[in-house]
C-alpha atoms as a PDB file:
ATOM      1  CA  UNK A   1      32.106 -56.549  -2.342  1.00  0.00           C
ATOM      2  CA  UNK A   2      33.473 -53.056  -3.020  1.00  0.00           C
ATOM      3  CA  UNK A   3      31.347 -49.913  -2.839  1.00  0.00           C
ATOM      4  CA  UNK A   4      32.576 -46.797  -4.658  1.00  0.00           C
ATOM      5  CA  UNK A   5      31.008 -43.459  -3.728  1.00  0.00           C
ATOM      6  CA  UNK A   6      31.758 -39.815  -4.505  1.00  0.00           C
ATOM      7  CA  UNK A   7      29.960 -38.312  -1.518  1.00  0.00           C
ATOM      8  CA  UNK A   8      31.082 -38.736   2.077  1.00  0.00           C
ATOM      9  CA  UNK A   9      28.650 -41.208   3.678  1.00  0.00           C
ATOM     10  CA  UNK A  10      26.436 -39.597   6.294  1.00  0.00           C
ATOM     11  CA  UNK A  11      27.709 -40.339   9.773  1.00  0.00           C
ATOM     12  CA  UNK A  12      31.184 -41.397   8.633  1.00  0.00           C
ATOM     13  CA  UNK A  13      33.075 -38.601  10.369  1.00  0.00           C
ATOM     14  CA  UNK A  14      31.693 -39.497  13.799  1.00  0.00           C
ATOM     15  CA  UNK A  15      31.612 -43.284  13.460  1.00  0.00           C
ATOM     16  CA  UNK A  16      33.572 -45.721  15.590  1.00  0.00           C
ATOM     17  CA  UNK A  17      35.411 -48.573  13.794  1.00  0.00           C
ATOM     18  CA  UNK A  18      32.929 -51.181  15.007  1.00  0.00           C
ATOM     19  CA  UNK A  19      30.023 -49.174  13.521  1.00  0.00           C
ATOM     20  CA  UNK A  20      31.383 -48.976   9.975  1.00  0.00           C
ATOM     21  CA  UNK A  21      30.181 -52.384   8.807  1.00  0.00           C
ATOM     22  CA  UNK A  22      26.566 -51.327   9.364  1.00  0.00           C
ATOM     23  CA  UNK A  23      27.159 -47.753   8.199  1.00  0.00           C
ATOM     24  CA  UNK A  24      28.955 -48.590   4.943  1.00  0.00           C
ATOM     25  CA  UNK A  25      27.767 -52.125   4.266  1.00  0.00           C
ATOM     26  CA  UNK A  26      31.247 -53.382   3.436  1.00  0.00           C
ATOM     27  CA  UNK A  27      34.636 -52.168   2.181  1.00  0.00           C
ATOM     28  CA  UNK A  28      34.182 -48.750   0.606  1.00  0.00           C
ATOM     29  CA  UNK A  29      36.215 -46.453  -1.651  1.00  0.00           C
ATOM     30  CA  UNK A  30      35.335 -42.787  -1.185  1.00  0.00           C
ATOM     31  CA  UNK A  31      36.382 -40.257  -3.845  1.00  0.00           C
ATOM     32  CA  UNK A  32      36.282 -36.639  -2.661  1.00  0.00           C
ATOM     33  CA  UNK A  33      37.037 -33.530  -4.709  1.00  0.00           C
ATOM     34  CA  UNK A  34      39.607 -30.888  -3.764  1.00  0.00           C
ATOM     35  CA  UNK A  35      41.157 -27.704  -5.060  1.00  0.00           C
ATOM     36  CA  UNK A  36      44.206 -29.455  -6.461  1.00  0.00           C
ATOM     37  CA  UNK A  37      44.707 -32.597  -8.534  1.00  0.00           C
ATOM     38  CA  UNK A  38      45.736 -35.423  -8.674  1.00  0.00           C
ATOM     39  CA  UNK A  39      44.334 -37.115  -5.591  1.00  0.00           C
ATOM     40  CA  UNK A  40      46.022 -38.284  -2.423  1.00  0.00           C
ATOM     41  CA  UNK A  41      45.079 -41.923  -1.762  1.00  0.00           C
ATOM     42  CA  UNK A  42      44.716 -43.134   1.833  1.00  0.00           C
ATOM     43  CA  UNK A  43      43.896 -46.676   2.949  1.00  0.00           C
ATOM     44  CA  UNK A  44      42.801 -47.459   6.488  1.00  0.00           C
ATOM     45  CA  UNK A  45      41.538 -50.395   8.523  1.00  0.00           C
ATOM     46  CA  UNK A  46      43.210 -52.967   6.289  1.00  0.00           C
ATOM     47  CA  UNK A  47      43.560 -54.584   9.693  1.00  0.00           C
ATOM     48  CA  UNK A  48      40.359 -54.248  11.685  1.00  0.00           C
ATOM     49  CA  UNK A  49      42.063 -53.735  15.045  1.00  0.00           C
ATOM     50  CA  UNK A  50      44.199 -50.778  13.854  1.00  0.00           C
ATOM     51  CA  UNK A  51      41.899 -47.727  14.082  1.00  0.00           C
ATOM     52  CA  UNK A  52      44.376 -44.818  14.011  1.00  0.00           C
ATOM     53  CA  UNK A  53      43.976 -44.325  10.260  1.00  0.00           C
ATOM     54  CA  UNK A  54      40.217 -43.913  10.616  1.00  0.00           C
ATOM     55  CA  UNK A  55      40.497 -41.402  13.460  1.00  0.00           C
ATOM     56  CA  UNK A  56      43.191 -39.435  11.593  1.00  0.00           C
ATOM     57  CA  UNK A  57      41.074 -39.184   8.436  1.00  0.00           C
ATOM     58  CA  UNK A  58      38.024 -38.216  10.490  1.00  0.00           C
ATOM     59  CA  UNK A  59      40.030 -35.405  12.130  1.00  0.00           C
ATOM     60  CA  UNK A  60      41.173 -34.221   8.700  1.00  0.00           C
ATOM     61  CA  UNK A  61      37.645 -34.210   7.286  1.00  0.00           C
ATOM     62  CA  UNK A  62      36.333 -32.286  10.292  1.00  0.00           C
ATOM     63  CA  UNK A  63      39.018 -29.645   9.780  1.00  0.00           C
ATOM     64  CA  UNK A  64      38.002 -29.025   6.169  1.00  0.00           C
ATOM     65  CA  UNK A  65      34.258 -29.595   6.502  1.00  0.00           C
ATOM     66  CA  UNK A  66      33.429 -25.950   5.817  1.00  0.00           C
ATOM     67  CA  UNK A  67      36.192 -24.926   3.432  1.00  0.00           C
ATOM     68  CA  UNK A  68      36.834 -27.859   1.107  1.00  0.00           C
ATOM     69  CA  UNK A  69      39.922 -30.043   0.792  1.00  0.00           C
ATOM     70  CA  UNK A  70      43.188 -28.525  -0.496  1.00  0.00           C
ATOM     71  CA  UNK A  71      43.667 -31.590  -2.726  1.00  0.00           C
ATOM     72  CA  UNK A  72      41.405 -34.329  -4.026  1.00  0.00           C
ATOM     73  CA  UNK A  73      41.300 -37.285  -1.654  1.00  0.00           C
ATOM     74  CA  UNK A  74      40.469 -40.963  -2.167  1.00  0.00           C
ATOM     75  CA  UNK A  75      39.858 -43.039   0.977  1.00  0.00           C
ATOM     76  CA  UNK A  76      39.683 -46.839   1.044  1.00  0.00           C
ATOM     77  CA  UNK A  77      38.005 -48.153   4.185  1.00  0.00           C
ATOM     78  CA  UNK A  78      39.067 -51.792   4.366  1.00  0.00           C
ATOM     79  CA  UNK A  79      38.146 -54.639   6.682  1.00  0.00           C
ATOM     80  CA  UNK A  80      35.054 -53.263   8.385  1.00  0.00           C
ATOM     81  CA  UNK A  81      33.732 -56.737   9.242  1.00  0.00           C
ATOM     82  CA  UNK A  82      36.867 -57.440  11.297  1.00  0.00           C
ATOM     83  CA  UNK A  83      36.701 -53.923  12.775  1.00  0.00           C
ATOM     84  CA  UNK A  84      33.238 -54.769  14.113  1.00  0.00           C
ATOM     85  CA  UNK A  85      34.916 -57.362  16.356  1.00  0.00           C
ATOM     86  CA  UNK A  86      38.190 -55.423  16.901  1.00  0.00           C
ATOM     87  CA  UNK A  87      40.172 -58.156  15.160  1.00  0.00           C
ATOM     88  CA  UNK A  88      43.015 -57.977  12.664  1.00  0.00           C
ATOM     89  CA  UNK A  89      40.986 -60.236  10.350  1.00  0.00           C
ATOM     90  CA  UNK A  90      38.249 -62.823  10.707  1.00  0.00           C
ATOM     91  CA  UNK A  91      39.348 -66.458  10.694  1.00  0.00           C
ATOM     92  CA  UNK A  92      37.906 -67.157   7.242  1.00  0.00           C
ATOM     93  CA  UNK A  93      39.434 -64.041   5.671  1.00  0.00           C
ATOM     94  CA  UNK A  94      42.817 -63.463   4.058  1.00  0.00           C
ATOM     95  CA  UNK A  95      44.905 -60.605   5.432  1.00  0.00           C
ATOM     96  CA  UNK A  96      43.696 -57.411   3.713  1.00  0.00           C
ATOM     97  CA  UNK A  97      47.302 -56.228   3.477  1.00  0.00           C
ATOM     98  CA  UNK A  98      48.543 -59.346   1.678  1.00  0.00           C
ATOM     99  CA  UNK A  99      46.175 -59.407  -1.327  1.00  0.00           C
ATOM    100  CA  UNK A 100      47.296 -56.384  -3.352  1.00  0.00           C
ATOM    101  CA  UNK A 101      48.846 -57.083  -6.738  1.00  0.00           C
ATOM    102  CA  UNK A 102      49.857 -60.631  -5.816  1.00  0.00           C
ATOM    103  CA  UNK A 103      48.890 -64.031  -7.130  1.00  0.00           C
ATOM    104  CA  UNK A 104      45.470 -65.126  -6.024  1.00  0.00           C
ATOM    105  CA  UNK A 105      41.887 -65.291  -7.205  1.00  0.00           C
ATOM    106  CA  UNK A 106      39.920 -64.624  -4.042  1.00  0.00           C
ATOM    107  CA  UNK A 107      37.153 -62.052  -3.818  1.00  0.00           C
ATOM    108  CA  UNK A 108      39.565 -59.913  -1.798  1.00  0.00           C
ATOM    109  CA  UNK A 109      42.244 -60.040  -4.526  1.00  0.00           C
ATOM    110  CA  UNK A 110      39.669 -58.935  -7.091  1.00  0.00           C
ATOM    111  CA  UNK A 111      38.412 -56.169  -4.811  1.00  0.00           C
ATOM    112  CA  UNK A 112      41.895 -54.689  -4.327  1.00  0.00           C
ATOM    113  CA  UNK A 113      42.467 -54.810  -8.098  1.00  0.00           C
ATOM    114  CA  UNK A 114      39.249 -52.807  -8.495  1.00  0.00           C
ATOM    115  CA  UNK A 115      40.477 -50.249  -5.951  1.00  0.00           C
ATOM    116  CA  UNK A 116      43.775 -49.861  -7.817  1.00  0.00           C
ATOM    117  CA  UNK A 117      41.970 -49.446 -11.137  1.00  0.00           C
ATOM    118  CA  UNK A 118      39.574 -46.834  -9.753  1.00  0.00           C
ATOM    119  CA  UNK A 119      42.160 -44.646  -8.035  1.00  0.00           C
ATOM    120  CA  UNK A 120      44.630 -44.965 -10.921  1.00  0.00           C
ATOM    121  CA  UNK A 121      42.005 -43.723 -13.371  1.00  0.00           C
ATOM    122  CA  UNK A 122      41.459 -40.690 -11.154  1.00  0.00           C
ATOM    123  CA  UNK A 123      45.172 -39.888 -10.934  1.00  0.00           C
ATOM    124  CA  UNK A 124      47.572 -40.311  -8.006  1.00  0.00           C
ATOM    125  CA  UNK A 125      49.665 -37.768  -6.131  1.00  0.00           C
ATOM    126  CA  UNK A 126      50.837 -40.213  -3.445  1.00  0.00           C
ATOM    127  CA  UNK A 127      49.618 -43.252  -1.524  1.00  0.00           C
ATOM    128  CA  UNK A 128      49.462 -43.503   2.274  1.00  0.00           C
ATOM    129  CA  UNK A 129      48.587 -46.721   4.120  1.00  0.00           C
ATOM    130  CA  UNK A 130      48.033 -46.255   7.875  1.00  0.00           C
ATOM    131  CA  UNK A 131      48.632 -48.950  10.486  1.00  0.00           C
ATOM    132  CA  UNK A 132      49.147 -49.572  14.201  1.00  0.00           C
ATOM    133  CA  UNK A 133      51.546 -51.912  15.990  1.00  0.00           C
ATOM    134  CA  UNK A 134      50.707 -54.405  18.707  1.00  0.00           C
ATOM    135  CA  UNK A 135      54.154 -54.243  20.338  1.00  0.00           C
ATOM    136  CA  UNK A 136      56.233 -51.337  21.610  1.00  0.00           C
ATOM    137  CA  UNK A 137      57.571 -49.545  18.524  1.00  0.00           C
ATOM    138  CA  UNK A 138      58.361 -45.940  17.639  1.00  0.00           C
ATOM    139  CA  UNK A 139      56.442 -44.183  14.885  1.00  0.00           C
ATOM    140  CA  UNK A 140      58.088 -44.920  11.558  1.00  0.00           C
ATOM    141  CA  UNK A 141      57.434 -44.959   7.823  1.00  0.00           C
ATOM    142  CA  UNK A 142      57.966 -47.851   5.417  1.00  0.00           C
ATOM    143  CA  UNK A 143      58.911 -47.619   1.749  1.00  0.00           C
ATOM    144  CA  UNK A 144      59.384 -50.176  -1.022  1.00  0.00           C
ATOM    145  CA  UNK A 145      61.748 -48.185  -3.246  1.00  0.00           C
ATOM    146  CA  UNK A 146      64.985 -46.414  -2.357  1.00  0.00           C
ATOM    147  CA  UNK A 147      64.204 -43.335  -4.417  1.00  0.00           C
ATOM    148  CA  UNK A 148      64.253 -39.639  -3.558  1.00  0.00           C
ATOM    149  CA  UNK A 149      60.492 -39.046  -3.667  1.00  0.00           C
ATOM    150  CA  UNK A 150      59.834 -42.031  -1.399  1.00  0.00           C
ATOM    151  CA  UNK A 151      62.496 -40.956   1.101  1.00  0.00           C
ATOM    152  CA  UNK A 152      61.243 -37.377   1.115  1.00  0.00           C
ATOM    153  CA  UNK A 153      57.637 -38.418   1.679  1.00  0.00           C
ATOM    154  CA  UNK A 154      58.590 -40.863   4.447  1.00  0.00           C
ATOM    155  CA  UNK A 155      60.835 -38.335   6.193  1.00  0.00           C
ATOM    156  CA  UNK A 156      57.885 -35.942   6.509  1.00  0.00           C
ATOM    157  CA  UNK A 157      56.457 -38.470   8.974  1.00  0.00           C
ATOM    158  CA  UNK A 158      59.565 -39.795  10.737  1.00  0.00           C
ATOM    159  CA  UNK A 159      63.340 -39.818  10.510  1.00  0.00           C
ATOM    160  CA  UNK A 160      63.073 -43.607  11.046  1.00  0.00           C
ATOM    161  CA  UNK A 161      62.402 -45.280   7.697  1.00  0.00           C
ATOM    162  CA  UNK A 162      62.124 -48.999   6.962  1.00  0.00           C
ATOM    163  CA  UNK A 163      62.803 -50.264   3.445  1.00  0.00           C
ATOM    164  CA  UNK A 164      61.362 -53.648   2.481  1.00  0.00           C
ATOM    165  CA  UNK A 165      60.415 -55.548  -0.677  1.00  0.00           C
ATOM    166  CA  UNK A 166      58.549 -58.551   0.753  1.00  0.00           C
ATOM    167  CA  UNK A 167      55.792 -59.599   1.223  1.00  0.00           C
ATOM    168  CA  UNK A 168      54.585 -58.835  -2.307  1.00  0.00           C
ATOM    169  CA  UNK A 169      50.913 -58.401  -1.500  1.00  0.00           C
ATOM    170  CA  UNK A 170      51.077 -55.304   0.696  1.00  0.00           C
ATOM    171  CA  UNK A 171      49.292 -52.142  -0.391  1.00  0.00           C
ATOM    172  CA  UNK A 172      52.400 -49.968  -0.603  1.00  0.00           C
ATOM    173  CA  UNK A 173      54.175 -52.441  -2.875  1.00  0.00           C
ATOM    174  CA  UNK A 174      51.595 -52.234  -5.641  1.00  0.00           C
ATOM    175  CA  UNK A 175      51.150 -48.465  -5.317  1.00  0.00           C
ATOM    176  CA  UNK A 176      54.922 -47.906  -5.378  1.00  0.00           C
ATOM    177  CA  UNK A 177      54.724 -48.796  -9.081  1.00  0.00           C
ATOM    178  CA  UNK A 178      52.259 -45.947  -9.643  1.00  0.00           C
ATOM    179  CA  UNK A 179      53.325 -43.090  -7.346  1.00  0.00           C
ATOM    180  CA  UNK A 180      55.363 -42.325  -4.224  1.00  0.00           C
ATOM    181  CA  UNK A 181      53.944 -44.609  -1.541  1.00  0.00           C
ATOM    182  CA  UNK A 182      54.518 -45.007   2.194  1.00  0.00           C
ATOM    183  CA  UNK A 183      53.130 -47.064   5.039  1.00  0.00           C
ATOM    184  CA  UNK A 184      52.760 -45.264   8.360  1.00  0.00           C
ATOM    185  CA  UNK A 185      53.261 -47.243  11.565  1.00  0.00           C
ATOM    186  CA  UNK A 186      51.621 -45.121  14.254  1.00  0.00           C
ATOM    187  CA  UNK A 187      52.312 -46.958  17.493  1.00  0.00           C
ATOM    188  CA  UNK A 188      49.727 -48.888  19.444  1.00  0.00           C
ATOM    189  CA  UNK A 189      45.954 -48.359  19.094  1.00  0.00           C
ATOM    190  CA  UNK A 190      44.337 -45.984  21.536  1.00  0.00           C
ATOM    191  CA  UNK A 191      47.195 -43.479  21.684  1.00  0.00           C
ATOM    192  CA  UNK A 192      46.031 -39.956  20.866  1.00  0.00           C
ATOM    193  CA  UNK A 193      49.476 -38.912  19.671  1.00  0.00           C
ATOM    194  CA  UNK A 194      49.310 -41.534  16.928  1.00  0.00           C
ATOM    195  CA  UNK A 195      46.087 -39.987  15.612  1.00  0.00           C
ATOM    196  CA  UNK A 196      47.493 -36.458  15.839  1.00  0.00           C
ATOM    197  CA  UNK A 197      50.731 -37.465  14.117  1.00  0.00           C
ATOM    198  CA  UNK A 198      48.989 -39.252  11.242  1.00  0.00           C
ATOM    199  CA  UNK A 199      46.421 -36.471  10.793  1.00  0.00           C
ATOM    200  CA  UNK A 200      49.150 -33.826  10.702  1.00  0.00           C
ATOM    201  CA  UNK A 201      51.062 -35.804   8.098  1.00  0.00           C
ATOM    202  CA  UNK A 202      47.967 -36.232   5.909  1.00  0.00           C
ATOM    203  CA  UNK A 203      47.251 -32.513   6.200  1.00  0.00           C
ATOM    204  CA  UNK A 204      50.795 -31.702   5.115  1.00  0.00           C
ATOM    205  CA  UNK A 205      50.456 -34.038   2.115  1.00  0.00           C
ATOM    206  CA  UNK A 206      47.191 -32.389   1.045  1.00  0.00           C
ATOM    207  CA  UNK A 207      48.901 -28.996   1.109  1.00  0.00           C
ATOM    208  CA  UNK A 208      52.026 -30.009  -0.829  1.00  0.00           C
ATOM    209  CA  UNK A 209      52.240 -28.618  -4.347  1.00  0.00           C
ATOM    210  CA  UNK A 210      54.752 -31.346  -5.149  1.00  0.00           C
ATOM    211  CA  UNK A 211      56.913 -33.881  -3.357  1.00  0.00           C
ATOM    212  CA  UNK A 212      60.459 -32.480  -2.984  1.00  0.00           C
ATOM    213  CA  UNK A 213      62.876 -33.790  -5.585  1.00  0.00           C
ATOM    214  CA  UNK A 214      66.134 -32.880  -3.854  1.00  0.00           C
ATOM    215  CA  UNK A 215      68.222 -35.501  -2.073  1.00  0.00           C
ATOM    216  CA  UNK A 216      67.857 -36.112   1.638  1.00  0.00           C
ATOM    217  CA  UNK A 217      70.344 -34.864   4.219  1.00  0.00           C
ATOM    218  CA  UNK A 218      72.125 -37.891   5.794  1.00  0.00           C
ATOM    219  CA  UNK A 219      71.584 -36.576   9.335  1.00  0.00           C
ATOM    220  CA  UNK A 220      67.822 -36.319   8.753  1.00  0.00           C
ATOM    221  CA  UNK A 221      67.060 -40.004   8.202  1.00  0.00           C
ATOM    222  CA  UNK A 222      67.811 -43.413   9.682  1.00  0.00           C
ATOM    223  CA  UNK A 223      67.059 -46.075   7.078  1.00  0.00           C
ATOM    224  CA  UNK A 224      66.804 -49.779   7.860  1.00  0.00           C
ATOM    225  CA  UNK A 225      66.343 -52.725   5.507  1.00  0.00           C
ATOM    226  CA  UNK A 226      64.111 -55.635   6.482  1.00  0.00           C
ATOM    227  CA  UNK A 227      66.236 -58.727   5.842  1.00  0.00           C
ATOM    228  CA  UNK A 228      64.145 -61.479   7.432  1.00  0.00           C
ATOM    229  CA  UNK A 229      60.672 -62.327   8.638  1.00  0.00           C
ATOM    230  CA  UNK A 230      60.564 -64.525  11.749  1.00  0.00           C
ATOM    231  CA  UNK A 231      57.687 -66.903  12.426  1.00  0.00           C
ATOM    232  CA  UNK A 232      56.727 -69.530  14.972  1.00  0.00           C
ATOM    233  CA  UNK A 233      56.102 -72.670  12.880  1.00  0.00           C
ATOM    234  CA  UNK A 234      52.527 -73.888  12.819  1.00  0.00           C
ATOM    235  CA  UNK A 235      51.987 -76.526  15.454  1.00  0.00           C
ATOM    236  CA  UNK A 236      54.801 -75.293  17.703  1.00  0.00           C
ATOM    237  CA  UNK A 237      53.555 -74.107  21.097  1.00  0.00           C
ATOM    238  CA  UNK A 238      54.881 -70.869  22.584  1.00  0.00           C
ATOM    239  CA  UNK A 239      54.209 -68.462  25.433  1.00  0.00           C
ATOM    240  CA  UNK A 240      55.653 -65.531  27.329  1.00  0.00           C
ATOM    241  CA  UNK A 241      56.785 -66.459  30.819  1.00  0.00           C
ATOM    242  CA  UNK A 242      55.119 -69.884  31.008  1.00  0.00           C
ATOM    243  CA  UNK A 243      57.513 -72.814  30.607  1.00  0.00           C
ATOM    244  CA  UNK A 244      55.116 -75.658  29.690  1.00  0.00           C
ATOM    245  CA  UNK A 245      55.561 -74.914  25.959  1.00  0.00           C
ATOM    246  CA  UNK A 246      58.110 -75.682  23.266  1.00  0.00           C
ATOM    247  CA  UNK A 247      59.281 -72.086  22.875  1.00  0.00           C
ATOM    248  CA  UNK A 248      59.263 -69.759  25.890  1.00  0.00           C
ATOM    249  CA  UNK A 249      59.986 -66.074  25.223  1.00  0.00           C
ATOM    250  CA  UNK A 250      61.028 -63.449  27.753  1.00  0.00           C
ATOM    251  CA  UNK A 251      58.148 -61.324  29.017  1.00  0.00           C
ATOM    252  CA  UNK A 252      59.325 -57.897  27.858  1.00  0.00           C
ATOM    253  CA  UNK A 253      60.637 -58.954  24.466  1.00  0.00           C
ATOM    254  CA  UNK A 254      58.857 -56.132  22.622  1.00  0.00           C
ATOM    255  CA  UNK A 255      61.253 -53.689  24.312  1.00  0.00           C
ATOM    256  CA  UNK A 256      63.883 -54.945  21.826  1.00  0.00           C
ATOM    257  CA  UNK A 257      62.075 -53.258  18.934  1.00  0.00           C
ATOM    258  CA  UNK A 258      64.209 -50.752  17.029  1.00  0.00           C
ATOM    259  CA  UNK A 259      67.262 -51.395  19.169  1.00  0.00           C
ATOM    260  CA  UNK A 260      70.389 -52.744  17.525  1.00  0.00           C
ATOM    261  CA  UNK A 261      70.886 -55.938  19.513  1.00  0.00           C
ATOM    262  CA  UNK A 262      74.281 -57.681  19.636  1.00  0.00           C
ATOM    263  CA  UNK A 263      74.962 -61.322  18.913  1.00  0.00           C
ATOM    264  CA  UNK A 264      74.151 -63.404  21.979  1.00  0.00           C
ATOM    265  CA  UNK A 265      71.058 -61.388  22.941  1.00  0.00           C
ATOM    266  CA  UNK A 266      68.749 -63.690  24.907  1.00  0.00           C
ATOM    267  CA  UNK A 267      65.231 -64.122  23.451  1.00  0.00           C
ATOM    268  CA  UNK A 268      64.013 -67.007  25.588  1.00  0.00           C
ATOM    269  CA  UNK A 269      64.256 -70.758  26.011  1.00  0.00           C
ATOM    270  CA  UNK A 270      63.787 -73.741  23.703  1.00  0.00           C
ATOM    271  CA  UNK A 271      62.299 -76.692  25.606  1.00  0.00           C
ATOM    272  CA  UNK A 272      62.116 -78.961  22.545  1.00  0.00           C
ATOM    273  CA  UNK A 273      65.102 -79.345  20.199  1.00  0.00           C
ATOM    274  CA  UNK A 274      62.779 -80.010  17.260  1.00  0.00           C
ATOM    275  CA  UNK A 275      60.935 -76.695  17.738  1.00  0.00           C
ATOM    276  CA  UNK A 276      62.801 -73.631  16.494  1.00  0.00           C
ATOM    277  CA  UNK A 277      61.983 -70.210  15.067  1.00  0.00           C
ATOM    278  CA  UNK A 278      61.735 -70.058  11.283  1.00  0.00           C
ATOM    279  CA  UNK A 279      63.396 -67.152   9.430  1.00  0.00           C
ATOM    280  CA  UNK A 280      62.975 -66.409   5.736  1.00  0.00           C
ATOM    281  CA  UNK A 281      64.792 -63.771   3.707  1.00  0.00           C
ATOM    282  CA  UNK A 282      63.229 -61.612   0.988  1.00  0.00           C
ATOM    283  CA  UNK A 283      63.560 -64.412  -1.550  1.00  0.00           C
ATOM    284  CA  UNK A 284      61.868 -66.962   0.679  1.00  0.00           C
ATOM    285  CA  UNK A 285      65.053 -68.821   1.588  1.00  0.00           C
ATOM    286  CA  UNK A 286      65.467 -70.337   5.033  1.00  0.00           C
ATOM    287  CA  UNK A 287      68.024 -68.233   6.921  1.00  0.00           C
ATOM    288  CA  UNK A 288      67.139 -69.408  10.421  1.00  0.00           C
ATOM    289  CA  UNK A 289      70.688 -70.481  11.320  1.00  0.00           C
ATOM    290  CA  UNK A 290      72.087 -67.120  10.212  1.00  0.00           C
ATOM    291  CA  UNK A 291      70.066 -65.199  12.789  1.00  0.00           C
ATOM    292  CA  UNK A 292      69.333 -67.549  15.713  1.00  0.00           C
ATOM    293  CA  UNK A 293      71.311 -70.110  17.671  1.00  0.00           C
ATOM    294  CA  UNK A 294      70.297 -72.388  20.510  1.00  0.00           C
ATOM    295  CA  UNK A 295      72.860 -72.691  23.300  1.00  0.00           C
ATOM    296  CA  UNK A 296      72.101 -74.928  26.289  1.00  0.00           C
ATOM    297  CA  UNK A 297      68.376 -74.465  25.750  1.00  0.00           C
ATOM    298  CA  UNK A 298      68.635 -70.679  25.303  1.00  0.00           C
ATOM    299  CA  UNK A 299      67.333 -68.853  22.214  1.00  0.00           C
ATOM    300  CA  UNK A 300      69.951 -66.276  21.214  1.00  0.00           C
ATOM    301  CA  UNK A 301      70.729 -63.990  18.309  1.00  0.00           C
ATOM    302  CA  UNK A 302      73.536 -65.409  16.192  1.00  0.00           C
ATOM    303  CA  UNK A 303      74.519 -61.975  14.847  1.00  0.00           C
ATOM    304  CA  UNK A 304      73.896 -58.308  15.523  1.00  0.00           C
ATOM    305  CA  UNK A 305      70.533 -57.204  14.133  1.00  0.00           C
ATOM    306  CA  UNK A 306      67.618 -54.850  14.848  1.00  0.00           C
ATOM    307  CA  UNK A 307      64.183 -56.408  15.515  1.00  0.00           C
ATOM    308  CA  UNK A 308      60.924 -54.677  14.704  1.00  0.00           C
ATOM    309  CA  UNK A 309      57.256 -55.520  15.242  1.00  0.00           C
ATOM    310  CA  UNK A 310      57.997 -57.878  18.123  1.00  0.00           C
ATOM    311  CA  UNK A 311      54.682 -58.410  19.855  1.00  0.00           C
ATOM    312  CA  UNK A 312      53.270 -60.344  22.790  1.00  0.00           C
ATOM    313  CA  UNK A 313      49.906 -60.725  21.046  1.00  0.00           C
ATOM    314  CA  UNK A 314      49.709 -64.469  20.419  1.00  0.00           C
ATOM    315  CA  UNK A 315      46.863 -64.203  17.890  1.00  0.00           C
ATOM    316  CA  UNK A 316      48.801 -61.681  15.794  1.00  0.00           C
ATOM    317  CA  UNK A 317      51.876 -63.916  15.925  1.00  0.00           C
ATOM    318  CA  UNK A 318      49.810 -66.808  14.569  1.00  0.00           C
ATOM    319  CA  UNK A 319      48.073 -64.719  11.905  1.00  0.00           C
ATOM    320  CA  UNK A 320      51.142 -62.758  10.794  1.00  0.00           C
ATOM    321  CA  UNK A 321      54.600 -63.219  12.307  1.00  0.00           C
ATOM    322  CA  UNK A 322      56.722 -63.041  15.448  1.00  0.00           C
ATOM    323  CA  UNK A 323      58.863 -60.144  14.223  1.00  0.00           C
ATOM    324  CA  UNK A 324      61.040 -58.761  11.438  1.00  0.00           C
ATOM    325  CA  UNK A 325      64.815 -58.387  11.511  1.00  0.00           C
ATOM    326  CA  UNK A 326      66.504 -55.334  10.021  1.00  0.00           C
ATOM    327  CA  UNK A 327      69.946 -53.999   9.179  1.00  0.00           C
ATOM    328  CA  UNK A 328      70.999 -50.368   8.824  1.00  0.00           C
ATOM    329  CA  UNK A 329      71.185 -49.072   5.240  1.00  0.00           C
ATOM    330  CA  UNK A 330      73.979 -46.854   3.945  1.00  0.00           C
ATOM    331  CA  UNK A 331      72.276 -44.818   1.232  1.00  0.00           C
ATOM    332  CA  UNK A 332      74.134 -44.421  -2.081  1.00  0.00           C
ATOM    333  CA  UNK A 333      75.605 -40.969  -2.826  1.00  0.00           C
ATOM    334  CA  UNK A 334      73.001 -40.056  -5.453  1.00  0.00           C
ATOM    335  CA  UNK A 335      70.275 -40.136  -2.786  1.00  0.00           C
ATOM    336  CA  UNK A 336      72.173 -37.952  -0.338  1.00  0.00           C
ATOM    337  CA  UNK A 337      72.646 -34.212  -0.059  1.00  0.00           C
ATOM    338  CA  UNK A 338      76.335 -34.240   0.838  1.00  0.00           C
ATOM    339  CA  UNK A 339      77.926 -31.250   2.514  1.00  0.00           C
ATOM    340  CA  UNK A 340      80.790 -29.519   0.664  1.00  0.00           C
END
């Protein structure tokens, strides 16, 4: 399934996401030379309806079209067949950001292993995976290790940093074992600032001689730890506003994203006592009762927590999740640049 090329495909820089399947013929890894080694690795369109990564890379390539890249660059263009239809993934496909370095023997698992092997052999400076959100979220960076290089790289994009260790099969998780790795969450598709922000970050990474090794200043970062993934169980009906379902959520629920919400915050209504949200912690344990309670038919937070990735997109909720829950992280002293 994977194509590996060392020349930028003709027409790539001007292509729209829905044109890439015909242009490239499938998922493609592009190795480009630059004045400095090792290479920066960038993955984009792991979800076909999240085009900001493509537009950011196109802007970067246009900028250096006549002068050459400051650093070698490897670009993985992911789910182009889903991008053709502006979907996260096709119904018969696994999620392209859940098949990296995890158990599984699908064609997609084998393809991602081939990508890792190819870029590792070339050498890695850092790994950047670019995504969009479907709900209302700020721009933020995600890391899988609480280490200085990861924090420094993430803070170049945003002071808001999310640390998580699950799910296993995300791109950044496997690359975090090889080099500093971050995931960029660039707001909703179609926002020009998201493209500009991501492109500026990539440009800065290409120009770095090295990733700073000094500790971060506490006032420069807000770090949150993802403690639970929240899902609507399969077979349970839900909607926003409409009441003829088992779980009814408030209409503007995605406005809760990245706000520290107190216990008792109202999420909606439960019209069927047997239908409740399912929460799992990083080890896969059921922690539903820790985070949600059901009082007189109301769905409420059982403790203070910060949601992220809340979305009103019902298809995304079915294919992925309803949201994540986070808690603020107090970084250990060795990661902080403390003032005398």
